[in-house]
Amino acid sequence: MKPIETIDIDVSYGAKKILEAITFHADAGEILGIVGPNGSGKTTLLKAMSRVVARDNGEIRLDDRDLDTLGHRELARRIAVVPQDLSIGFDYTVRDIVMMGRHPYIGRLASETTRDVEICDHAMRLANVAHLAGMSVHEISGGERQRVLIARALAQEPKILLLDEATSNLDVSHQVEILNIIRDLTRTITVVSVFHDLNLAAYYCDRLIMLKDRRVHTAGAPKDVLTRETLRAVYGIDALVKPHPLTGRPYILPTYECTPGRQPEKKVHVICGGGTGSDLLYALHKEGFQASTGVLNVFDTDYATAKALGIPCITEAPFSAISSEACSELERCIAAADAVVITAMPIGQGNIDNIRVLKELTDKPIIFFSKNGRYGVEDHSGGEATEILRNLELAGAERAGDIPELVVLLKESHQSGREDGHR
């Protein structure tokens, strides 16, 4: 018996068909994610599952019972909904809001019982809002308000929890906090959630269904649904899909295609490593620069990015010092480049030759790039790397604190080089 199952449901708003022949189920104790582009019907599907909107046809079953046979109170005892956000006009306290979750159990003219209070207190502790119980909902943050809505839903003691992008308007720390709370609930509750962030969906969901053009395009484990081919077909984007180095779950990095027909701006060699160059390589690829990179070991994240984008990369075996052959290739790449960019990467004795080759370089622009404002590198070379970079800066190397600034510097130096060449 499936906790919740939809069978060939159609939903329309007037003459416009929103969902068509939607069939899927959620297993007990799992988090089932619903993903898809804007307008694919994700929110409408949740509304149909909670009977907020009517179906044209098809069937939704709770524990093998037709949803339409349940009264309003019984339905509210089985299904709870957490919206993206809730506009609350009155000055209710947090406890007042959570107690609203007990309305399906409290008679119309009755008052809450001791048990109702205990259930609400327990729900507030689970959602980490017990310390806010006496505060107005207008005095708490957006993340706290979302946790209050979760507590209200838990006070309903549902078997099914429906979430409509419940964390999409929150910062990443609140998103993780709330999704961790929800994941801990699955011992007793089945969760069906709409996700906007595909990386969060990949990490927290047991299975996904992906909607496109009113229908289920694909369904299954995150690794089977979130593929490069599927993202291209459904979202119209090209993206790298890699196993996360810590979790093994898929994670998604959009790529940026060059504008068709645009001539490459200039040649740039990027000295990077440890993932410090990935975003930069994407941006240079997008802007039409002819980028090269290396020397990188073949397990480096930046190497994986360069390979996926088709950017030439000088490689070395893992845990090996840079060979004389790789050094020679590096010198050739730098000689062919119009500019060199150095990221705030870790440097030790194994890869310091990447910047040693720059010590005598005085004929082209060098730019230090760091997104966090910490210029230089992680120096594990006993100070040699820092000294090399200091001398390069004294010789005229520039700094860029974000990618747009770096692109401007590269274009300006390119234009300057063209003007010098015409003189």
Protein backbone atom coordinates (compact mmCIF):
# COMPACT_ATOMS: atom_id res chain seq x y z
CA MET A 1 0.00 0.00 0.00
CA LYS A 2 1.39 3.39 -1.05
CA PRO A 3 0.95 6.35 1.34
CA ILE A 4 0.02 8.56 -1.63
CA GLU A 5 -0.46 7.79 -5.30
CA THR A 6 -1.65 9.77 -8.31
CA ILE A 7 -3.11 7.91 -11.28
CA ASP A 8 -3.49 9.62 -14.68
CA ILE A 9 -4.62 12.96 -13.27
CA ASP A 10 -5.37 15.97 -15.49
CA VAL A 11 -5.76 19.51 -14.17
CA SER A 12 -6.92 22.58 -16.10
CA TYR A 13 -7.40 26.24 -15.33
CA GLY A 14 -10.31 27.12 -17.54
CA ALA A 15 -9.48 26.04 -21.07
CA LYS A 16 -5.76 25.77 -20.36
CA LYS A 17 -4.43 22.30 -19.56
CA ILE A 18 -1.84 22.48 -16.75
CA LEU A 19 -1.20 18.80 -15.98
CA GLU A 20 -1.84 15.78 -18.16
CA ALA A 21 -1.81 12.05 -17.33
CA ILE A 22 0.32 12.45 -14.21
CA THR A 23 1.07 9.13 -12.54
CA PHE A 24 3.51 8.52 -9.68
CA HIS A 25 3.63 7.41 -6.05
CA ALA A 26 5.57 8.19 -2.88
CA ASP A 27 6.90 5.41 -0.69
CA ALA A 28 6.57 5.44 3.09
CA GLY A 29 9.23 7.48 4.84
CA GLU A 30 10.86 8.91 1.73
CA ILE A 31 11.41 12.43 0.42
CA LEU A 32 10.05 12.60 -3.11
CA GLY A 33 11.12 15.72 -5.00
CA ILE A 34 9.17 17.40 -7.79
CA VAL A 35 11.36 19.41 -10.17
CA GLY A 36 10.91 21.07 -13.51
CA PRO A 37 11.10 24.48 -15.19
CA ASN A 38 8.82 27.38 -14.38
CA GLY A 39 5.31 26.77 -15.64
CA SER A 40 5.65 23.00 -15.74
CA GLY A 41 2.87 22.53 -13.15
CA LYS A 42 4.80 21.74 -9.96
CA THR A 43 2.72 23.91 -7.61
CA THR A 44 -0.51 22.91 -9.32
CA LEU A 45 0.36 19.26 -8.72
CA LEU A 46 0.73 19.88 -4.98
CA LYS A 47 -2.55 21.78 -4.94
CA ALA A 48 -4.28 18.84 -6.60
CA MET A 49 -2.75 16.46 -4.04
CA SER A 50 -4.14 18.59 -1.21
CA ARG A 51 -7.49 19.11 -3.00
CA VAL A 52 -7.02 22.86 -3.27
CA VAL A 53 -7.68 22.61 -7.01
CA ALA A 54 -10.02 20.15 -8.66
CA ARG A 55 -8.89 17.47 -11.10
CA ASP A 56 -10.47 17.08 -14.51
CA ASN A 57 -10.06 13.33 -14.21
CA GLY A 58 -7.79 10.69 -12.78
CA GLU A 59 -7.44 9.57 -9.20
CA ILE A 60 -5.41 10.38 -6.10
CA ARG A 61 -5.27 7.75 -3.37
CA LEU A 62 -4.16 7.97 0.26
CA ASP A 63 -3.39 4.56 1.75
CA ASP A 64 -5.38 3.08 -1.14
CA ARG A 65 -8.39 5.28 -0.37
CA ASP A 66 -9.77 7.80 -2.87
CA LEU A 67 -8.90 11.35 -1.83
CA ASP A 68 -12.39 12.55 -2.70
CA THR A 69 -13.99 10.25 -0.11
CA LEU A 70 -12.27 12.06 2.77
CA GLY A 71 -14.00 14.85 4.68
CA HIS A 72 -12.14 18.13 5.22
CA ARG A 73 -11.15 17.31 8.81
CA GLU A 74 -9.97 13.83 7.96
CA LEU A 75 -8.00 15.14 4.99
CA ALA A 76 -6.29 17.74 7.22
CA ARG A 77 -5.34 15.01 9.65
CA ARG A 78 -3.63 13.09 6.86
CA ILE A 79 -2.05 15.81 4.72
CA ALA A 80 -0.31 19.01 5.82
CA VAL A 81 1.02 21.70 3.48
CA VAL A 82 3.93 24.11 3.97
CA PRO A 83 3.80 26.93 1.38
CA GLN A 84 6.70 29.04 0.07
CA ASP A 85 5.67 31.87 2.35
CA LEU A 86 2.53 32.91 4.16
CA SER A 87 1.27 36.45 4.54
CA ILE A 88 -0.16 36.72 8.05
CA GLY A 89 -2.23 39.86 8.51
CA PHE A 90 -2.96 39.58 12.23
CA ASP A 91 -0.49 39.88 15.07
CA TYR A 92 -0.55 36.23 16.09
CA THR A 93 2.09 34.74 18.33
CA VAL A 94 4.15 31.78 17.18
CA ARG A 95 2.21 29.55 19.56
CA ASP A 96 -1.10 30.79 18.07
CA ILE A 97 0.07 29.86 14.57
CA VAL A 98 1.26 26.41 15.60
CA MET A 99 -1.99 25.76 17.52
CA MET A 100 -3.88 26.33 14.25
CA GLY A 101 -2.51 22.95 13.24
CA ARG A 102 -4.77 21.37 15.86
CA HIS A 103 -8.00 22.72 14.32
CA PRO A 104 -8.80 19.39 12.58
CA TYR A 105 -8.92 17.79 16.06
CA ILE A 106 -10.69 20.52 18.05
CA GLY A 107 -14.46 20.84 17.89
CA ARG A 108 -15.99 24.06 16.58
CA LEU A 109 -16.97 25.35 20.04
CA ALA A 110 -14.33 23.45 22.01
CA SER A 111 -11.04 24.65 23.46
CA GLU A 112 -7.65 23.04 23.10
CA THR A 113 -6.89 20.27 25.53
CA THR A 114 -3.74 19.51 27.48
CA ARG A 115 -2.86 17.00 24.78
CA ASP A 116 -3.21 19.66 22.08
CA VAL A 117 -0.81 21.89 23.99
CA GLU A 118 1.66 19.03 24.43
CA ILE A 119 1.55 18.21 20.72
CA CYS A 120 2.16 21.85 19.79
CA ASP A 121 5.05 22.11 22.25
CA HIS A 122 6.57 18.97 20.75
CA ALA A 123 6.11 20.31 17.19
CA MET A 124 7.81 23.58 18.14
CA ARG A 125 10.75 21.70 19.63
CA LEU A 126 11.12 19.58 16.49
CA ALA A 127 11.09 22.71 14.31
CA ASN A 128 13.43 24.58 16.67
CA VAL A 129 11.00 27.44 17.40
CA ALA A 130 10.02 26.69 21.02
CA HIS A 131 12.07 29.68 22.20
CA LEU A 132 9.93 31.93 19.93
CA ALA A 133 6.56 30.74 21.27
CA GLY A 134 5.50 34.07 22.79
CA MET A 135 6.78 36.30 19.97
CA SER A 136 4.71 37.87 17.23
CA VAL A 137 5.18 36.30 13.81
CA HIS A 138 5.88 39.84 12.59
CA GLU A 139 8.97 40.05 14.82
CA ILE A 140 10.81 36.98 13.54
CA SER A 141 12.93 36.34 10.46
CA GLY A 142 11.87 34.63 7.24
CA GLY A 143 13.76 31.46 8.18
CA GLU A 144 12.12 31.40 11.60
CA ARG A 145 8.69 31.93 10.03
CA GLN A 146 9.23 28.95 7.73
CA ARG A 147 10.12 26.81 10.74
CA VAL A 148 6.91 28.02 12.41
CA LEU A 149 4.91 26.86 9.38
CA ILE A 150 6.63 23.48 9.60
CA ALA A 151 5.72 23.29 13.29
CA ARG A 152 2.10 24.12 12.44
CA ALA A 153 2.08 21.34 9.85
CA LEU A 154 3.58 18.87 12.33
CA ALA A 155 0.91 19.79 14.87
CA GLN A 156 -1.60 18.32 12.40
CA GLU A 157 0.09 14.92 12.95
CA PRO A 158 -0.07 14.21 9.20
CA LYS A 159 1.08 11.14 7.36
CA ILE A 160 1.94 13.19 4.26
CA LEU A 161 3.82 16.51 4.30
CA LEU A 162 3.63 18.60 1.11
CA LEU A 163 6.13 21.42 0.66
CA ASP A 164 5.88 24.01 -2.10
CA GLU A 165 9.46 25.32 -2.50
CA ALA A 166 9.37 25.98 1.22
CA THR A 167 13.00 27.14 1.34
CA SER A 168 13.34 28.96 -1.99
CA ASN A 169 13.33 32.48 -0.51
CA LEU A 170 15.83 31.73 2.26
CA ASP A 171 19.59 31.99 2.47
CA VAL A 172 21.60 28.81 2.23
CA SER A 173 22.07 28.35 6.00
CA HIS A 174 18.31 28.49 6.61
CA GLN A 175 17.65 26.24 3.62
CA VAL A 176 19.97 23.57 5.01
CA GLU A 177 18.60 23.93 8.55
CA ILE A 178 14.99 23.50 7.44
CA LEU A 179 15.71 20.64 5.05
CA ASN A 180 17.66 18.84 7.76
CA ILE A 181 14.64 19.19 10.05
CA ILE A 182 12.38 17.78 7.33
CA ARG A 183 14.73 14.89 6.60
CA ASP A 184 14.69 13.93 10.28
CA LEU A 185 10.88 13.67 10.15
CA THR A 186 10.78 10.88 7.58
CA ARG A 187 10.81 8.19 10.25
CA THR A 188 7.11 8.91 10.67
CA ILE A 189 6.12 11.14 7.72
CA THR A 190 6.30 10.85 3.93
CA VAL A 191 7.45 14.09 2.31
CA VAL A 192 6.61 15.33 -1.19
CA SER A 193 8.38 18.59 -1.98
CA VAL A 194 8.71 20.95 -4.92
CA PHE A 195 12.32 22.04 -5.41
CA HIS A 196 13.69 24.95 -7.38
CA ASP A 197 17.33 24.27 -6.46
CA LEU A 198 18.34 21.05 -8.21
CA ASN A 199 21.43 20.57 -6.06
CA LEU A 200 19.33 20.62 -2.88
CA ALA A 201 16.91 18.19 -4.51
CA ALA A 202 19.78 15.88 -5.45
CA TYR A 203 21.09 15.83 -1.90
CA TYR A 204 17.90 15.52 0.14
CA CYS A 205 15.56 13.48 -2.07
CA ASP A 206 15.34 9.72 -2.31
CA ARG A 207 13.61 9.96 -5.68
CA LEU A 208 12.65 12.72 -8.13
CA ILE A 209 9.96 13.27 -10.71
CA MET A 210 10.75 15.85 -13.38
CA LEU A 211 7.90 17.65 -15.14
CA LYS A 212 7.96 19.10 -18.63
CA ASP A 213 5.11 20.33 -20.81
CA ARG A 214 2.40 19.20 -18.36
CA ARG A 215 3.70 15.62 -18.09
CA VAL A 216 6.18 13.55 -16.12
CA HIS A 217 9.28 13.62 -18.30
CA THR A 218 11.34 11.24 -16.15
CA ALA A 219 11.36 9.77 -12.65
CA GLY A 220 13.78 7.85 -10.49
CA ALA A 221 16.83 8.27 -8.27
CA PRO A 222 18.53 11.70 -8.48
CA LYS A 223 21.51 10.26 -10.36
CA ASP A 224 19.16 8.88 -13.02
CA VAL A 225 17.01 11.99 -13.36
CA LEU A 226 19.62 14.76 -13.14
CA THR A 227 21.71 13.90 -16.16
CA ARG A 228 23.31 16.27 -18.63
CA GLU A 229 21.01 15.01 -21.38
CA THR A 230 17.86 15.40 -19.30
CA LEU A 231 18.78 18.92 -18.16
CA ARG A 232 19.38 19.89 -21.77
CA ALA A 233 16.04 18.41 -22.86
CA VAL A 234 13.93 19.81 -20.01
CA TYR A 235 15.62 23.07 -18.98
CA GLY A 236 17.35 23.89 -22.26
CA ILE A 237 20.73 24.29 -20.57
CA ASP A 238 24.08 22.60 -20.83
CA ALA A 239 25.44 21.61 -17.44
CA LEU A 240 28.15 19.52 -15.90
CA VAL A 241 26.77 16.80 -13.64
CA LYS A 242 29.38 15.34 -11.32
CA PRO A 243 29.34 13.17 -8.19
CA HIS A 244 29.79 15.41 -5.17
CA PRO A 245 33.25 14.74 -3.70
CA LEU A 246 31.85 14.35 -0.16
CA THR A 247 28.37 12.88 -0.61
CA GLY A 248 28.58 11.03 -3.91
CA ARG A 249 25.25 12.62 -4.88
CA PRO A 250 25.05 14.39 -8.24
CA TYR A 251 25.74 18.10 -8.29
CA ILE A 252 25.09 20.44 -11.18
CA LEU A 253 27.26 23.21 -12.60
CA PRO A 254 25.77 25.13 -15.55
CA THR A 255 28.14 25.78 -18.43
CA TYR A 256 28.09 28.93 -20.49
CA GLU A 257 28.18 28.62 -24.22
CA CYS A 258 30.05 31.14 -26.36
CA THR A 259 27.84 33.38 -28.46
CA PRO A 260 27.71 31.73 -31.91
CA GLY A 261 29.75 33.51 -34.57
CA ARG A 262 31.65 35.72 -32.12
CA GLN A 263 35.39 35.92 -32.66
CA PRO A 264 37.56 34.92 -29.67
CA GLU A 265 38.72 37.97 -27.74
CA LYS A 266 42.23 36.86 -26.75
CA LYS A 267 44.28 33.98 -25.43
CA VAL A 268 44.44 33.61 -21.64
CA HIS A 269 46.35 31.04 -19.64
CA VAL A 270 44.85 30.33 -16.22
CA ILE A 271 47.08 29.01 -13.43
CA CYS A 272 44.72 27.47 -10.91
CA GLY A 273 43.97 24.37 -8.85
CA GLY A 274 41.84 22.93 -6.09
CA GLY A 275 38.61 24.23 -7.67
CA THR A 276 39.73 27.90 -7.56
CA GLY A 277 39.53 28.22 -11.35
CA SER A 278 36.28 26.47 -12.27
CA ASP A 279 33.95 29.49 -12.21
CA LEU A 280 36.59 31.56 -13.99
CA LEU A 281 37.02 28.98 -16.76
CA TYR A 282 33.23 28.97 -17.29
CA ALA A 283 33.20 32.77 -17.55
CA LEU A 284 36.13 32.96 -19.97
CA HIS A 285 34.47 30.27 -22.09
CA LYS A 286 31.25 32.28 -22.12
CA GLU A 287 32.99 35.52 -23.06
CA GLY A 288 34.76 33.91 -26.01
CA PHE A 289 38.32 33.94 -24.71
CA GLN A 290 40.70 31.24 -25.92
CA ALA A 291 41.62 29.83 -22.54
CA SER A 292 44.20 27.26 -21.57
CA THR A 293 45.08 26.00 -18.10
CA GLY A 294 47.45 23.79 -16.14
CA VAL A 295 49.55 22.20 -14.93
CA LEU A 296 46.79 20.29 -13.07
CA ASN A 297 46.56 16.76 -11.76
CA VAL A 298 43.85 14.66 -13.36
CA PHE A 299 41.85 14.39 -10.13
CA ASP A 300 41.57 18.18 -9.74
CA THR A 301 38.13 19.78 -10.00
CA ASP A 302 39.54 22.46 -12.29
CA TYR A 303 40.82 19.74 -14.65
CA ALA A 304 37.32 18.20 -14.80
CA THR A 305 35.87 21.61 -15.64
CA ALA A 306 38.45 22.30 -18.35
CA LYS A 307 37.89 18.88 -19.89
CA ALA A 308 34.10 19.31 -19.95
CA LEU A 309 34.41 22.73 -21.59
CA GLY A 310 37.01 21.59 -24.12
CA ILE A 311 39.67 23.93 -22.73
CA PRO A 312 43.26 22.76 -23.36
CA CYS A 313 44.83 21.63 -20.09
CA ILE A 314 48.36 20.53 -19.23
CA THR A 315 48.11 17.57 -16.87
CA GLU A 316 50.25 15.64 -14.44
CA ALA A 317 49.66 12.43 -12.52
CA PRO A 318 48.21 12.77 -8.99
CA PHE A 319 50.71 13.22 -6.15
CA SER A 320 53.52 13.84 -8.65
CA ALA A 321 55.74 16.88 -9.05
CA ILE A 322 55.50 18.75 -12.33
CA SER A 323 57.71 17.01 -14.88
CA SER A 324 60.14 18.75 -17.23
CA GLU A 325 57.86 17.84 -20.14
CA ALA A 326 54.86 19.48 -18.46
CA CYS A 327 57.00 22.54 -17.63
CA SER A 328 57.98 22.87 -21.28
CA GLU A 329 54.34 22.65 -22.35
CA LEU A 330 53.43 25.26 -19.71
CA GLU A 331 56.07 27.62 -21.08
CA ARG A 332 54.66 27.17 -24.60
CA CYS A 333 51.11 27.92 -23.43
CA ILE A 334 52.22 31.03 -21.57
CA ALA A 335 54.29 32.20 -24.54
CA ALA A 336 51.22 31.85 -26.79
CA ALA A 337 48.90 33.64 -24.34
CA ASP A 338 48.09 37.35 -24.38
CA ALA A 339 47.65 37.38 -20.59
CA VAL A 340 48.09 35.11 -17.56
CA VAL A 341 45.67 34.81 -14.64
CA ILE A 342 46.73 33.34 -11.28
CA THR A 343 43.99 32.26 -8.85
CA ALA A 344 44.23 32.07 -5.05
CA MET A 345 45.13 28.39 -5.20
CA PRO A 346 47.10 26.16 -2.83
CA ILE A 347 50.79 25.98 -3.78
CA GLY A 348 53.38 23.57 -2.40
CA GLN A 349 56.57 22.03 -3.66
CA GLY A 350 54.62 19.72 -5.97
CA ASN A 351 53.10 22.49 -8.10
CA ILE A 352 55.21 25.59 -7.49
CA ASP A 353 56.72 25.30 -10.97
CA ASN A 354 53.38 26.68 -12.21
CA ILE A 355 54.47 30.12 -11.01
CA ARG A 356 58.26 29.72 -11.08
CA VAL A 357 58.04 29.96 -14.86
CA LEU A 358 56.65 33.50 -14.44
CA LYS A 359 59.66 34.90 -12.59
CA GLU A 360 61.23 36.31 -15.74
CA LEU A 361 57.95 37.14 -17.48
CA THR A 362 57.77 40.86 -18.20
CA ASP A 363 56.24 41.06 -21.67
CA LYS A 364 52.55 40.41 -20.97
CA PRO A 365 49.83 41.22 -18.40
CA ILE A 366 49.55 39.11 -15.25
CA ILE A 367 46.40 39.31 -13.12
CA PHE A 368 45.88 37.91 -9.61
CA PHE A 369 42.28 36.74 -9.20
CA SER A 370 40.44 36.05 -5.94
CA LYS A 371 36.67 36.09 -5.37
CA ASN A 372 36.99 36.50 -1.61
CA GLY A 373 39.39 39.44 -1.58
CA ARG A 374 42.30 37.35 -0.30
CA TYR A 375 44.93 37.85 -2.96
CA GLY A 376 47.95 35.62 -3.28
CA VAL A 377 47.87 31.87 -2.77
CA GLU A 378 47.71 29.30 0.00
CA ASP A 379 51.45 29.13 0.45
CA HIS A 380 52.73 25.72 1.52
CA SER A 381 56.12 26.25 -0.11
CA GLY A 382 57.96 27.81 2.80
CA GLY A 383 57.39 31.34 1.52
CA GLU A 384 58.75 30.95 -2.00
CA ALA A 385 55.32 31.26 -3.65
CA THR A 386 54.51 34.45 -1.74
CA GLU A 387 57.85 35.94 -2.71
CA ILE A 388 57.34 35.15 -6.40
CA LEU A 389 53.90 36.77 -6.39
CA ARG A 390 55.17 39.82 -4.52
CA ASN A 391 57.87 40.38 -7.15
CA LEU A 392 55.34 39.91 -9.95
CA GLU A 393 53.12 42.58 -8.41
CA LEU A 394 56.06 44.96 -8.04
CA ALA A 395 56.71 44.38 -11.73
CA GLY A 396 53.14 45.44 -12.61
CA ALA A 397 50.78 42.50 -12.03
CA GLU A 398 47.20 43.66 -11.37
CA ARG A 399 44.44 42.41 -9.08
CA ALA A 400 40.80 41.50 -9.77
CA GLY A 401 38.28 40.78 -7.02
CA ASP A 402 35.48 39.35 -9.16
CA ILE A 403 34.95 37.91 -12.62
CA PRO A 404 33.42 41.04 -14.25
CA GLU A 405 36.39 43.11 -13.07
CA LEU A 406 38.79 40.49 -14.42
CA VAL A 407 37.06 40.40 -17.81
CA VAL A 408 37.32 44.19 -18.05
CA LEU A 409 41.05 44.07 -17.26
CA LEU A 410 41.61 41.38 -19.87
CA LYS A 411 39.72 43.31 -22.54
CA GLU A 412 41.50 46.56 -21.68
CA SER A 413 44.91 44.92 -21.87
CA HIS A 414 43.91 43.30 -25.17
CA GLN A 415 42.86 46.65 -26.61
CA SER A 416 46.09 48.22 -25.35
CA GLY A 417 48.08 45.43 -26.99
CA ARG A 418 46.28 46.03 -30.30
CA GLU A 419 47.02 49.75 -30.20
CA ASP A 420 50.69 49.07 -29.42
CA GLY A 421 50.82 46.70 -32.36
CA HIS A 422 49.52 49.40 -34.72
CA ARG A 423 52.13 51.96 -33.71
